[in-house]
PDB file of N, CA and C in Angstrom:
ATOM      1  N   MET A   1     120.320  90.077  78.596  1.00  0.00           N
ATOM      2  CA  MET A   1     118.948  90.443  78.327  1.00  0.00           C
ATOM      3  C   MET A   1     118.801  91.962  78.295  1.00  0.00           C
ATOM      4  N   TYR A   2     119.392  92.651  79.289  1.00  0.00           N
ATOM      5  CA  TYR A   2     119.253  94.099  79.317  1.00  0.00           C
ATOM      6  C   TYR A   2     119.970  94.744  78.148  1.00  0.00           C
ATOM      7  N   GLY A   3     121.093  94.163  77.758  1.00  0.00           N
ATOM      8  CA  GLY A   3     121.801  94.664  76.585  1.00  0.00           C
ATOM      9  C   GLY A   3     120.967  94.527  75.324  1.00  0.00           C
ATOM     10  N   TRP A   4     120.263  93.421  75.207  1.00  0.00           N
ATOM     11  CA  TRP A   4     119.398  93.212  74.042  1.00  0.00           C
ATOM     12  C   TRP A   4     118.294  94.254  74.006  1.00  0.00           C
ATOM     13  N   ILE A   5     117.676  94.516  75.162  1.00  0.00           N
ATOM     14  CA  ILE A   5     116.622  95.537  75.227  1.00  0.00           C
ATOM     15  C   ILE A   5     117.207  96.895  74.880  1.00  0.00           C
ATOM     16  N   TRP A   6     118.367  97.231  75.447  1.00  0.00           N
ATOM     17  CA  TRP A   6     118.991  98.532  75.206  1.00  0.00           C
ATOM     18  C   TRP A   6     119.309  98.722  73.723  1.00  0.00           C
ATOM     19  N   ARG A   7     119.818  97.680  73.062  1.00  0.00           N
ATOM     20  CA  ARG A   7     120.159  97.793  71.641  1.00  0.00           C
ATOM     21  C   ARG A   7     118.926  97.962  70.769  1.00  0.00           C
ATOM     22  N   HIS A   8     117.770  97.487  71.213  1.00  0.00           N
ATOM     23  CA  HIS A   8     116.574  97.560  70.383  1.00  0.00           C
ATOM     24  C   HIS A   8     115.721  98.802  70.656  1.00  0.00           C
ATOM     25  N   LEU A   9     116.109  99.611  71.630  1.00  0.00           N
ATOM     26  CA  LEU A   9     115.385 100.853  71.868  1.00  0.00           C
ATOM     27  C   LEU A   9     115.813 101.879  70.823  1.00  0.00           C
ATOM     28  N   PRO A  10     114.863 102.694  70.349  1.00  0.00           N
ATOM     29  CA  PRO A  10     115.222 103.692  69.339  1.00  0.00           C
ATOM     30  C   PRO A  10     115.887 104.913  69.974  1.00  0.00           C
ATOM     31  N   GLY A  11     116.630 105.668  69.159  1.00  0.00           N
ATOM     32  CA  GLY A  11     117.181 106.939  69.589  1.00  0.00           C
ATOM     33  C   GLY A  11     118.595 106.820  70.128  1.00  0.00           C
ATOM     34  N   ASN A  12     119.103 107.983  70.558  1.00  0.00           N
ATOM     35  CA  ASN A  12     120.448 108.021  71.138  1.00  0.00           C
ATOM     36  C   ASN A  12     120.362 107.731  72.631  1.00  0.00           C
ATOM     37  N   THR A  13     121.474 107.864  73.339  1.00  0.00           N
ATOM     38  CA  THR A  13     121.548 107.442  74.736  1.00  0.00           C
ATOM     39  C   THR A  13     120.545 108.151  75.650  1.00  0.00           C
ATOM     40  N   PRO A  14     120.396 109.492  75.602  1.00  0.00           N
ATOM     41  CA  PRO A  14     119.417 110.117  76.498  1.00  0.00           C
ATOM     42  C   PRO A  14     117.976 109.678  76.216  1.00  0.00           C
ATOM     43  N   ILE A  15     117.648 109.516  74.959  1.00  0.00           N
ATOM     44  CA  ILE A  15     116.290 109.084  74.609  1.00  0.00           C
ATOM     45  C   ILE A  15     116.072 107.640  75.049  1.00  0.00           C
ATOM     46  N   ARG A  16     117.087 106.811  74.861  1.00  0.00           N
ATOM     47  CA  ARG A  16     116.983 105.419  75.319  1.00  0.00           C
ATOM     48  C   ARG A  16     116.808 105.354  76.831  1.00  0.00           C
ATOM     49  N   ALA A  17     117.523 106.213  77.557  1.00  0.00           N
ATOM     50  CA  ALA A  17     117.403 106.225  79.013  1.00  0.00           C
ATOM     51  C   ALA A  17     115.993 106.614  79.441  1.00  0.00           C
ATOM     52  N   VAL A  18     115.400 107.602  78.775  1.00  0.00           N
ATOM     53  CA  VAL A  18     114.028 108.022  79.107  1.00  0.00           C
ATOM     54  C   VAL A  18     113.043 106.898  78.787  1.00  0.00           C
ATOM     55  N   ILE A  19     113.214 106.266  77.646  1.00  0.00           N
ATOM     56  CA  ILE A  19     112.317 105.162  77.267  1.00  0.00           C
ATOM     57  C   ILE A  19     112.471 104.001  78.247  1.00  0.00           C
ATOM     58  N   ALA A  20     113.713 103.691  78.647  1.00  0.00           N
ATOM     59  CA  ALA A  20     113.938 102.603  79.601  1.00  0.00           C
ATOM     60  C   ALA A  20     113.294 102.932  80.942  1.00  0.00           C
ATOM     61  N   LEU A  21     113.403 104.185  81.388  1.00  0.00           N
ATOM     62  CA  LEU A  21     112.770 104.598  82.638  1.00  0.00           C
ATOM     63  C   LEU A  21     111.253 104.468  82.544  1.00  0.00           C
ATOM     64  N   LEU A  22     110.679 104.879  81.422  1.00  0.00           N
ATOM     65  CA  LEU A  22     109.229 104.749  81.241  1.00  0.00           C
ATOM     66  C   LEU A  22     108.799 103.284  81.227  1.00  0.00           C
ATOM     67  N   LEU A  23     109.613 102.429  80.632  1.00  0.00           N
ATOM     68  CA  LEU A  23     109.293 100.996  80.634  1.00  0.00           C
ATOM     69  C   LEU A  23     109.312 100.436  82.054  1.00  0.00           C
ATOM     70  N   VAL A  24     110.317 100.805  82.832  1.00  0.00           N
ATOM     71  CA  VAL A  24     110.403 100.320  84.209  1.00  0.00           C
ATOM     72  C   VAL A  24     109.222 100.825  85.023  1.00  0.00           C
ATOM     73  N   LEU A  25     108.890 102.113  84.887  1.00  0.00           N
ATOM     74  CA  LEU A  25     107.744 102.666  85.616  1.00  0.00           C
ATOM     75  C   LEU A  25     106.442 101.994  85.198  1.00  0.00           C
ATOM     76  N   GLY A  26     106.293 101.693  83.912  1.00  0.00           N
ATOM     77  CA  GLY A  26     105.102 101.000  83.441  1.00  0.00           C
ATOM     78  C   GLY A  26     104.990  99.596  84.011  1.00  0.00           C
ATOM     79  N   ILE A  27     106.108  98.901  84.082  1.00  0.00           N
ATOM     80  CA  ILE A  27     106.101  97.548  84.644  1.00  0.00           C
ATOM     81  C   ILE A  27     105.763  97.581  86.128  1.00  0.00           C
ATOM     82  N   VAL A  28     106.338  98.533  86.858  1.00  0.00           N
ATOM     83  CA  VAL A  28     106.041  98.663  88.284  1.00  0.00           C
ATOM     84  C   VAL A  28     104.568  98.991  88.497  1.00  0.00           C
ATOM     85  N   TYR A  29     104.013  99.872  87.664  1.00  0.00           N
ATOM     86  CA  TYR A  29     102.601 100.225  87.766  1.00  0.00           C
ATOM     87  C   TYR A  29     101.709  99.003  87.555  1.00  0.00           C
ATOM     88  N   VAL A  30     101.994  98.225  86.517  1.00  0.00           N
ATOM     89  CA  VAL A  30     101.192  97.024  86.242  1.00  0.00           C
ATOM     90  C   VAL A  30     101.304  96.026  87.384  1.00  0.00           C
ATOM     91  N   LEU A  31     102.500  95.873  87.940  1.00  0.00           N
ATOM     92  CA  LEU A  31     102.664  94.947  89.062  1.00  0.00           C
ATOM     93  C   LEU A  31     101.822  95.382  90.263  1.00  0.00           C
ATOM     94  N   PHE A  32     101.895  96.667  90.635  1.00  0.00           N
ATOM     95  CA  PHE A  32     101.181  97.124  91.819  1.00  0.00           C
ATOM     96  C   PHE A  32      99.672  97.206  91.600  1.00  0.00           C
ATOM     97  N   GLN A  33      99.210  97.474  90.400  1.00  0.00           N
ATOM     98  CA  GLN A  33      97.787  97.636  90.158  1.00  0.00           C
ATOM     99  C   GLN A  33      97.066  96.318  89.872  1.00  0.00           C
ATOM    100  N   TYR A  34      97.762  95.374  89.249  1.00  0.00           N
ATOM    101  CA  TYR A  34      97.078  94.162  88.795  1.00  0.00           C
ATOM    102  C   TYR A  34      97.664  92.868  89.356  1.00  0.00           C
ATOM    103  N   VAL A  35      98.962  92.708  89.291  1.00  0.00           N
ATOM    104  CA  VAL A  35      99.572  91.425  89.640  1.00  0.00           C
ATOM    105  C   VAL A  35      99.573  91.201  91.147  1.00  0.00           C
ATOM    106  N   PHE A  36     100.061  92.165  91.927  1.00  0.00           N
ATOM    107  CA  PHE A  36     100.126  91.979  93.374  1.00  0.00           C
ATOM    108  C   PHE A  36      98.742  91.837  94.013  1.00  0.00           C
ATOM    109  N   PRO A  37      97.741  92.656  93.645  1.00  0.00           N
ATOM    110  CA  PRO A  37      96.412  92.427  94.241  1.00  0.00           C
ATOM    111  C   PRO A  37      95.829  91.059  93.866  1.00  0.00           C
ATOM    112  N   TRP A  38      96.117  90.589  92.669  1.00  0.00           N
ATOM    113  CA  TRP A  38      95.620  89.278  92.266  1.00  0.00           C
ATOM    114  C   TRP A  38      96.305  88.174  93.081  1.00  0.00           C
ATOM    115  N   ALA A  39      97.607  88.329  93.346  1.00  0.00           N
ATOM    116  CA  ALA A  39      98.366  87.279  94.023  1.00  0.00           C
ATOM    117  C   ALA A  39      98.232  87.321  95.540  1.00  0.00           C
ATOM    118  N   GLU A  40      97.786  88.432  96.103  1.00  0.00           N
ATOM    119  CA  GLU A  40      97.750  88.562  97.559  1.00  0.00           C
ATOM    120  C   GLU A  40      96.926  87.481  98.251  1.00  0.00           C
ATOM    121  N   PRO A  41      95.723  87.143  97.783  1.00  0.00           N
ATOM    122  CA  PRO A  41      94.970  86.085  98.471  1.00  0.00           C
ATOM    123  C   PRO A  41      95.640  84.713  98.389  1.00  0.00           C
ATOM    124  N   LEU A  42      96.524  84.533  97.444  1.00  0.00           N
ATOM    125  CA  LEU A  42      97.192  83.248  97.279  1.00  0.00           C
ATOM    126  C   LEU A  42      98.397  83.090  98.201  1.00  0.00           C
ATOM    127  N   LEU A  43      98.840  84.166  98.823  1.00  0.00           N
ATOM    128  CA  LEU A  43     100.028  84.135  99.672  1.00  0.00           C
ATOM    129  C   LEU A  43      99.636  83.934 101.132  1.00  0.00           C
ATOM    130  N   PRO A  44     100.477  83.264 101.907  1.00  0.00           N
ATOM    131  CA  PRO A  44     100.128  82.943 103.296  1.00  0.00           C
ATOM    132  C   PRO A  44     100.461  84.049 104.299  1.00  0.00           C
ATOM    133  N   PHE A  45     100.841  85.238 103.850  1.00  0.00           N
ATOM    134  CA  PHE A  45     101.298  86.269 104.774  1.00  0.00           C
ATOM    135  C   PHE A  45     100.177  86.874 105.600  1.00  0.00           C
ATOM    136  N   GLY A  46      98.931  86.704 105.228  1.00  0.00           N
ATOM    137  CA  GLY A  46      97.811  87.260 105.981  1.00  0.00           C
ATOM    138  C   GLY A  46      97.389  86.389 107.150  1.00  0.00           C
ATOM    139  N   ASN A  47      97.934  85.205 107.253  1.00  0.00           N
ATOM    140  CA  ASN A  47      97.549  84.259 108.304  1.00  0.00           C
ATOM    141  C   ASN A  47      98.524  84.313 109.470  1.00  0.00           C
ATOM    142  N   VAL A  48      98.746  85.492 109.989  1.00  0.00           N
ATOM    143  CA  VAL A  48      99.695  85.665 111.085  1.00  0.00           C
ATOM    144  C   VAL A  48      98.925  85.695 112.401  1.00  0.00           C
ATOM    145  N   THR A  49      99.396  84.939 113.389  1.00  0.00           N
ATOM    146  CA  THR A  49      98.768  84.944 114.705  1.00  0.00           C
ATOM    147  C   THR A  49      99.727  85.525 115.712  1.00  0.00           C
ATOM    148  N   VAL A  50      99.207  86.396 116.527  1.00  0.00           N
ATOM    149  CA  VAL A  50     100.009  86.999 117.595  1.00  0.00           C
ATOM    150  C   VAL A  50      99.317  86.674 118.904  1.00  0.00           C
ATOM    151  N   ASP A  51     100.024  86.017 119.801  1.00  0.00           N
ATOM    152  CA  ASP A  51      99.459  85.680 121.100  1.00  0.00           C
ATOM    153  C   ASP A  51      99.463  86.897 121.990  1.00  0.00           C
ATOM    154  N   GLU A  52      98.384  87.041 122.778  1.00  0.00           N
ATOM    155  CA  GLU A  52      98.355  88.132 123.740  1.00  0.00           C
ATOM    156  C   GLU A  52      99.091  87.680 124.988  1.00  0.00           C
ATOM    157  N   GLY A  53      99.700  88.601 125.627  1.00  0.00           N
ATOM    158  CA  GLY A  53     100.488  88.259 126.796  1.00  0.00           C
ATOM    159  C   GLY A  53     101.881  87.870 126.361  1.00  0.00           C
ATOM    160  N   GLY A  54     102.682  87.557 127.297  1.00  0.00           N
ATOM    161  CA  GLY A  54     104.050  87.218 126.941  1.00  0.00           C
ATOM    162  C   GLY A  54     104.653  86.323 127.994  1.00  0.00           C
ATOM    163  N   THR A  55     105.911  86.183 127.908  1.00  0.00           N
ATOM    164  CA  THR A  55     106.621  85.356 128.882  1.00  0.00           C
ATOM    165  C   THR A  55     107.157  86.273 129.969  1.00  0.00           C
ATOM    166  N   GLY A  56     106.461  86.447 130.969  1.00  0.00           N
ATOM    167  CA  GLY A  56     107.063  87.259 131.975  1.00  0.00           C
ATOM    168  C   GLY A  56     106.132  87.824 132.904  1.00  0.00           C
TER     169      GLY A  56
END
């Protein structure tokens, strides 16, 4: 899959590397701004209970 993406990017190797980096940064931005906030209420990680006191 990555080879297919690399072959379809325009330009020579340095330009392809810059474009690939921009694509990765764009994907990370979209994930953190839209996908993760949308999915957070659907995940059970916020339902953590911690008991006060301990064994001892």
